[in-house]
PDB file of N, CA and C in Angstrom:
ATOM      1  N   MET A   1     -17.339   1.615   7.770  1.00  0.00           N
ATOM      2  CA  MET A   1     -16.822   0.553   6.939  1.00  0.00           C
ATOM      3  C   MET A   1     -17.295  -0.773   7.524  1.00  0.00           C
ATOM      4  N   ARG A   2     -17.578  -1.733   6.658  1.00  0.00           N
ATOM      5  CA  ARG A   2     -18.054  -3.053   7.067  1.00  0.00           C
ATOM      6  C   ARG A   2     -16.980  -4.084   6.709  1.00  0.00           C
ATOM      7  N   MET A   3     -16.988  -5.197   7.434  1.00  0.00           N
ATOM      8  CA  MET A   3     -16.079  -6.296   7.112  1.00  0.00           C
ATOM      9  C   MET A   3     -16.837  -7.601   7.258  1.00  0.00           C
ATOM     10  N   LEU A   4     -16.381  -8.608   6.533  1.00  0.00           N
ATOM     11  CA  LEU A   4     -16.987  -9.929   6.581  1.00  0.00           C
ATOM     12  C   LEU A   4     -16.039 -10.887   7.264  1.00  0.00           C
ATOM     13  N   THR A   5     -16.606 -11.773   8.057  1.00  0.00           N
ATOM     14  CA  THR A   5     -15.818 -12.809   8.710  1.00  0.00           C
ATOM     15  C   THR A   5     -16.656 -14.077   8.757  1.00  0.00           C
ATOM     16  N   LYS A   6     -16.058 -15.160   9.186  1.00  0.00           N
ATOM     17  CA  LYS A   6     -16.779 -16.420   9.378  1.00  0.00           C
ATOM     18  C   LYS A   6     -16.604 -16.874  10.809  1.00  0.00           C
ATOM     19  N   CYS A   7     -17.660 -17.437  11.350  1.00  0.00           N
ATOM     20  CA  CYS A   7     -17.570 -18.025  12.682  1.00  0.00           C
ATOM     21  C   CYS A   7     -16.581 -19.187  12.615  1.00  0.00           C
ATOM     22  N   PRO A   8     -15.621 -19.258  13.529  1.00  0.00           N
ATOM     23  CA  PRO A   8     -14.653 -20.353  13.484  1.00  0.00           C
ATOM     24  C   PRO A   8     -15.273 -21.707  13.827  1.00  0.00           C
ATOM     25  N   ASP A   9     -16.478 -21.712  14.380  1.00  0.00           N
ATOM     26  CA  ASP A   9     -17.118 -22.972  14.762  1.00  0.00           C
ATOM     27  C   ASP A   9     -18.110 -23.459  13.708  1.00  0.00           C
ATOM     28  N   CYS A  10     -19.144 -22.657  13.413  1.00  0.00           N
ATOM     29  CA  CYS A  10     -20.189 -23.111  12.491  1.00  0.00           C
ATOM     30  C   CYS A  10     -19.978 -22.613  11.057  1.00  0.00           C
ATOM     31  N   ARG A  11     -19.019 -21.721  10.847  1.00  0.00           N
ATOM     32  CA  ARG A  11     -18.601 -21.236   9.517  1.00  0.00           C
ATOM     33  C   ARG A  11     -19.615 -20.339   8.825  1.00  0.00           C
ATOM     34  N   ILE A  12     -20.598 -19.808   9.542  1.00  0.00           N
ATOM     35  CA  ILE A  12     -21.552 -18.886   8.936  1.00  0.00           C
ATOM     36  C   ILE A  12     -20.840 -17.566   8.626  1.00  0.00           C
ATOM     37  N   GLY A  13     -21.190 -16.936   7.524  1.00  0.00           N
ATOM     38  CA  GLY A  13     -20.650 -15.628   7.201  1.00  0.00           C
ATOM     39  C   GLY A  13     -21.323 -14.561   8.060  1.00  0.00           C
ATOM     40  N   ILE A  14     -20.530 -13.646   8.609  1.00  0.00           N
ATOM     41  CA  ILE A  14     -21.046 -12.609   9.499  1.00  0.00           C
ATOM     42  C   ILE A  14     -20.520 -11.257   9.026  1.00  0.00           C
ATOM     43  N   GLU A  15     -21.418 -10.295   8.879  1.00  0.00           N
ATOM     44  CA  GLU A  15     -21.019  -8.930   8.517  1.00  0.00           C
ATOM     45  C   GLU A  15     -20.896  -8.117   9.800  1.00  0.00           C
ATOM     46  N   LEU A  16     -19.736  -7.495   9.979  1.00  0.00           N
ATOM     47  CA  LEU A  16     -19.458  -6.703  11.174  1.00  0.00           C
ATOM     48  C   LEU A  16     -19.067  -5.286  10.800  1.00  0.00           C
ATOM     49  N   SER A  17     -19.156  -4.387  11.753  1.00  0.00           N
ATOM     50  CA  SER A  17     -18.675  -3.027  11.594  1.00  0.00           C
ATOM     51  C   SER A  17     -17.175  -3.012  11.875  1.00  0.00           C
ATOM     52  N   ILE A  18     -16.454  -2.094  11.279  1.00  0.00           N
ATOM     53  CA  ILE A  18     -15.027  -1.958  11.562  1.00  0.00           C
ATOM     54  C   ILE A  18     -14.811  -1.627  13.037  1.00  0.00           C
ATOM     55  N   ALA A  19     -15.829  -1.066  13.684  1.00  0.00           N
ATOM     56  CA  ALA A  19     -15.749  -0.775  15.122  1.00  0.00           C
ATOM     57  C   ALA A  19     -15.674  -2.057  15.957  1.00  0.00           C
ATOM     58  N   ASP A  20     -16.014  -3.205  15.353  1.00  0.00           N
ATOM     59  CA  ASP A  20     -15.928  -4.491  16.059  1.00  0.00           C
ATOM     60  C   ASP A  20     -14.513  -5.060  16.065  1.00  0.00           C
ATOM     61  N   ALA A  21     -13.588  -4.431  15.337  1.00  0.00           N
ATOM     62  CA  ALA A  21     -12.203  -4.914  15.288  1.00  0.00           C
ATOM     63  C   ALA A  21     -11.595  -4.906  16.687  1.00  0.00           C
ATOM     64  N   ASP A  22     -10.779  -5.903  16.958  1.00  0.00           N
ATOM     65  CA  ASP A  22     -10.066  -6.069  18.229  1.00  0.00           C
ATOM     66  C   ASP A  22     -11.040  -6.259  19.401  1.00  0.00           C
ATOM     67  N   ARG A  23     -12.149  -6.914  19.120  1.00  0.00           N
ATOM     68  CA  ARG A  23     -13.139  -7.234  20.152  1.00  0.00           C
ATOM     69  C   ARG A  23     -13.524  -8.699  20.035  1.00  0.00           C
ATOM     70  N   ARG A  24     -14.265  -9.147  21.003  1.00  0.00           N
ATOM     71  CA  ARG A  24     -14.814 -10.498  20.960  1.00  0.00           C
ATOM     72  C   ARG A  24     -16.307 -10.394  20.680  1.00  0.00           C
ATOM     73  N   LYS A  25     -16.784 -11.236  19.789  1.00  0.00           N
ATOM     74  CA  LYS A  25     -18.188 -11.210  19.373  1.00  0.00           C
ATOM     75  C   LYS A  25     -18.784 -12.612  19.508  1.00  0.00           C
ATOM     76  N   HIS A  26     -20.088 -12.664  19.694  1.00  0.00           N
ATOM     77  CA  HIS A  26     -20.811 -13.932  19.711  1.00  0.00           C
ATOM     78  C   HIS A  26     -21.385 -14.184  18.318  1.00  0.00           C
ATOM     79  N   CYS A  27     -21.284 -15.411  17.849  1.00  0.00           N
ATOM     80  CA  CYS A  27     -21.877 -15.805  16.580  1.00  0.00           C
ATOM     81  C   CYS A  27     -23.404 -15.767  16.735  1.00  0.00           C
ATOM     82  N   PRO A  28     -24.106 -15.157  15.759  1.00  0.00           N
ATOM     83  CA  PRO A  28     -25.560 -15.101  15.861  1.00  0.00           C
ATOM     84  C   PRO A  28     -26.234 -16.461  15.683  1.00  0.00           C
ATOM     85  N   ARG A  29     -25.547 -17.425  15.070  1.00  0.00           N
ATOM     86  CA  ARG A  29     -26.155 -18.743  14.854  1.00  0.00           C
ATOM     87  C   ARG A  29     -25.873 -19.691  16.010  1.00  0.00           C
ATOM     88  N   CYS A  30     -24.586 -19.901  16.339  1.00  0.00           N
ATOM     89  CA  CYS A  30     -24.238 -20.924  17.337  1.00  0.00           C
ATOM     90  C   CYS A  30     -23.907 -20.342  18.706  1.00  0.00           C
ATOM     91  N   GLY A  31     -23.686 -19.028  18.779  1.00  0.00           N
ATOM     92  CA  GLY A  31     -23.408 -18.388  20.058  1.00  0.00           C
ATOM     93  C   GLY A  31     -21.962 -18.452  20.516  1.00  0.00           C
ATOM     94  N   LYS A  32     -21.084 -19.091  19.723  1.00  0.00           N
ATOM     95  CA  LYS A  32     -19.676 -19.189  20.113  1.00  0.00           C
ATOM     96  C   LYS A  32     -19.038 -17.796  20.158  1.00  0.00           C
ATOM     97  N   LEU A  33     -18.244 -17.559  21.177  1.00  0.00           N
ATOM     98  CA  LEU A  33     -17.509 -16.315  21.316  1.00  0.00           C
ATOM     99  C   LEU A  33     -16.199 -16.432  20.540  1.00  0.00           C
ATOM    100  N   PHE A  34     -15.912 -15.469  19.665  1.00  0.00           N
ATOM    101  CA  PHE A  34     -14.675 -15.506  18.888  1.00  0.00           C
ATOM    102  C   PHE A  34     -14.059 -14.116  18.845  1.00  0.00           C
ATOM    103  N   SER A  35     -12.761 -14.054  18.576  1.00  0.00           N
ATOM    104  CA  SER A  35     -12.025 -12.787  18.514  1.00  0.00           C
ATOM    105  C   SER A  35     -12.016 -12.248  17.096  1.00  0.00           C
ATOM    106  N   VAL A  36     -12.272 -10.968  16.974  1.00  0.00           N
ATOM    107  CA  VAL A  36     -12.178 -10.272  15.692  1.00  0.00           C
ATOM    108  C   VAL A  36     -10.795  -9.624  15.660  1.00  0.00           C
ATOM    109  N   PRO A  37     -10.015  -9.826  14.586  1.00  0.00           N
ATOM    110  CA  PRO A  37      -8.668  -9.242  14.536  1.00  0.00           C
ATOM    111  C   PRO A  37      -8.690  -7.723  14.641  1.00  0.00           C
ATOM    112  N   ASP A  38      -7.581  -7.152  15.112  1.00  0.00           N
ATOM    113  CA  ASP A  38      -7.477  -5.694  15.176  1.00  0.00           C
ATOM    114  C   ASP A  38      -7.236  -5.133  13.780  1.00  0.00           C
ATOM    115  N   THR A  39      -7.383  -3.824  13.625  1.00  0.00           N
ATOM    116  CA  THR A  39      -7.274  -3.211  12.298  1.00  0.00           C
ATOM    117  C   THR A  39      -5.871  -3.330  11.712  1.00  0.00           C
ATOM    118  N   GLU A  40      -4.843  -3.367  12.548  1.00  0.00           N
ATOM    119  CA  GLU A  40      -3.479  -3.551  12.031  1.00  0.00           C
ATOM    120  C   GLU A  40      -3.337  -4.921  11.391  1.00  0.00           C
ATOM    121  N   SER A  41      -3.857  -5.940  12.050  1.00  0.00           N
ATOM    122  CA  SER A  41      -3.820  -7.298  11.495  1.00  0.00           C
ATOM    123  C   SER A  41      -4.649  -7.382  10.221  1.00  0.00           C
ATOM    124  N   LEU A  42      -5.794  -6.695  10.206  1.00  0.00           N
ATOM    125  CA  LEU A  42      -6.625  -6.682   9.005  1.00  0.00           C
ATOM    126  C   LEU A  42      -5.878  -6.046   7.840  1.00  0.00           C
ATOM    127  N   GLY A  43      -5.156  -4.964   8.121  1.00  0.00           N
ATOM    128  CA  GLY A  43      -4.376  -4.307   7.073  1.00  0.00           C
ATOM    129  C   GLY A  43      -3.316  -5.223   6.489  1.00  0.00           C
ATOM    130  N   LYS A  44      -2.624  -5.960   7.353  1.00  0.00           N
ATOM    131  CA  LYS A  44      -1.606  -6.907   6.881  1.00  0.00           C
ATOM    132  C   LYS A  44      -2.252  -8.006   6.030  1.00  0.00           C
ATOM    133  N   ALA A  45      -3.422  -8.487   6.475  1.00  0.00           N
ATOM    134  CA  ALA A  45      -4.118  -9.531   5.719  1.00  0.00           C
ATOM    135  C   ALA A  45      -4.546  -9.009   4.347  1.00  0.00           C
ATOM    136  N   LEU A  46      -5.057  -7.774   4.301  1.00  0.00           N
ATOM    137  CA  LEU A  46      -5.459  -7.195   3.017  1.00  0.00           C
ATOM    138  C   LEU A  46      -4.270  -7.003   2.094  1.00  0.00           C
ATOM    139  N   ASP A  47      -3.119  -6.647   2.638  1.00  0.00           N
ATOM    140  CA  ASP A  47      -1.905  -6.538   1.825  1.00  0.00           C
ATOM    141  C   ASP A  47      -1.548  -7.883   1.208  1.00  0.00           C
ATOM    142  N   ARG A  48      -1.698  -8.950   1.977  1.00  0.00           N
ATOM    143  CA  ARG A  48      -1.412 -10.298   1.450  1.00  0.00           C
ATOM    144  C   ARG A  48      -2.381 -10.677   0.342  1.00  0.00           C
ATOM    145  N   VAL A  49      -3.664 -10.327   0.531  1.00  0.00           N
ATOM    146  CA  VAL A  49      -4.668 -10.630  -0.493  1.00  0.00           C
ATOM    147  C   VAL A  49      -4.327  -9.892  -1.787  1.00  0.00           C
ATOM    148  N   ARG A  50      -3.997  -8.619  -1.680  1.00  0.00           N
ATOM    149  CA  ARG A  50      -3.645  -7.835  -2.869  1.00  0.00           C
ATOM    150  C   ARG A  50      -2.395  -8.405  -3.556  1.00  0.00           C
ATOM    151  N   ALA A  51      -1.398  -8.786  -2.769  1.00  0.00           N
ATOM    152  CA  ALA A  51      -0.159  -9.335  -3.329  1.00  0.00           C
ATOM    153  C   ALA A  51      -0.410 -10.670  -4.029  1.00  0.00           C
ATOM    154  N   ALA A  52      -1.365 -11.440  -3.527  1.00  0.00           N
ATOM    155  CA  ALA A  52      -1.660 -12.748  -4.113  1.00  0.00           C
ATOM    156  C   ALA A  52      -2.320 -12.616  -5.481  1.00  0.00           C
ATOM    157  N   GLY A  53      -3.047 -11.518  -5.693  1.00  0.00           N
ATOM    158  CA  GLY A  53      -3.683 -11.306  -6.989  1.00  0.00           C
ATOM    159  C   GLY A  53      -4.827 -12.260  -7.277  1.00  0.00           C
ATOM    160  N   CYS A  54      -5.388 -12.883  -6.252  1.00  0.00           N
ATOM    161  CA  CYS A  54      -6.521 -13.776  -6.438  1.00  0.00           C
ATOM    162  C   CYS A  54      -7.367 -13.769  -5.166  1.00  0.00           C
ATOM    163  N   ASP A  55      -8.478 -14.472  -5.208  1.00  0.00           N
ATOM    164  CA  ASP A  55      -9.344 -14.557  -4.031  1.00  0.00           C
ATOM    165  C   ASP A  55      -8.739 -15.535  -3.033  1.00  0.00           C
ATOM    166  N   VAL A  56      -8.532 -15.057  -1.832  1.00  0.00           N
ATOM    167  CA  VAL A  56      -8.014 -15.914  -0.777  1.00  0.00           C
ATOM    168  C   VAL A  56      -8.787 -15.636   0.505  1.00  0.00           C
ATOM    169  N   TYR A  57      -8.708 -16.569   1.427  1.00  0.00           N
ATOM    170  CA  TYR A  57      -9.325 -16.433   2.741  1.00  0.00           C
ATOM    171  C   TYR A  57      -8.210 -16.368   3.769  1.00  0.00           C
ATOM    172  N   VAL A  58      -8.289 -15.430   4.679  1.00  0.00           N
ATOM    173  CA  VAL A  58      -7.306 -15.275   5.743  1.00  0.00           C
ATOM    174  C   VAL A  58      -7.999 -15.546   7.071  1.00  0.00           C
ATOM    175  N   ASP A  59      -7.501 -16.524   7.838  1.00  0.00           N
ATOM    176  CA  ASP A  59      -8.142 -16.815   9.121  1.00  0.00           C
ATOM    177  C   ASP A  59      -7.579 -15.935  10.225  1.00  0.00           C
ATOM    178  N   GLN A  60      -8.046 -16.148  11.456  1.00  0.00           N
ATOM    179  CA  GLN A  60      -7.663 -15.300  12.580  1.00  0.00           C
ATOM    180  C   GLN A  60      -6.173 -15.343  12.877  1.00  0.00           C
ATOM    181  N   GLN A  61      -5.499 -16.410  12.525  1.00  0.00           N
ATOM    182  CA  GLN A  61      -4.071 -16.528  12.764  1.00  0.00           C
ATOM    183  C   GLN A  61      -3.231 -16.016  11.597  1.00  0.00           C
ATOM    184  N   GLY A  62      -3.884 -15.485  10.565  1.00  0.00           N
ATOM    185  CA  GLY A  62      -3.157 -14.981   9.408  1.00  0.00           C
ATOM    186  C   GLY A  62      -2.820 -16.033   8.381  1.00  0.00           C
ATOM    187  N   ASN A  63      -3.363 -17.256   8.524  1.00  0.00           N
ATOM    188  CA  ASN A  63      -3.128 -18.315   7.552  1.00  0.00           C
ATOM    189  C   ASN A  63      -3.933 -18.040   6.290  1.00  0.00           C
ATOM    190  N   LEU A  64      -3.330 -18.266   5.148  1.00  0.00           N
ATOM    191  CA  LEU A  64      -3.960 -18.020   3.864  1.00  0.00           C
ATOM    192  C   LEU A  64      -4.503 -19.307   3.272  1.00  0.00           C
ATOM    193  N   TYR A  65      -5.691 -19.227   2.683  1.00  0.00           N
ATOM    194  CA  TYR A  65      -6.313 -20.358   1.991  1.00  0.00           C
ATOM    195  C   TYR A  65      -6.876 -19.849   0.677  1.00  0.00           C
ATOM    196  N   GLY A  66      -6.671 -20.608  -0.378  1.00  0.00           N
ATOM    197  CA  GLY A  66      -7.273 -20.217  -1.651  1.00  0.00           C
ATOM    198  C   GLY A  66      -6.387 -20.441  -2.822  1.00  0.00           C
TER     199      GLY A  66
END
């Protein structure tokens, strides 16, 4: 399974493997090290997206935008 995230610094979209969950990754553009949420947090975020019934963005802290 694949997931999409954005670098918290340069905001580039990054495609990651689900195996990258709960790890720290370097952005391929700017090199900033950032944390990828664990799968439990991802599940909670996906539940919020489904409940919202629209396109939303969830950041690393679980904040919703959209």
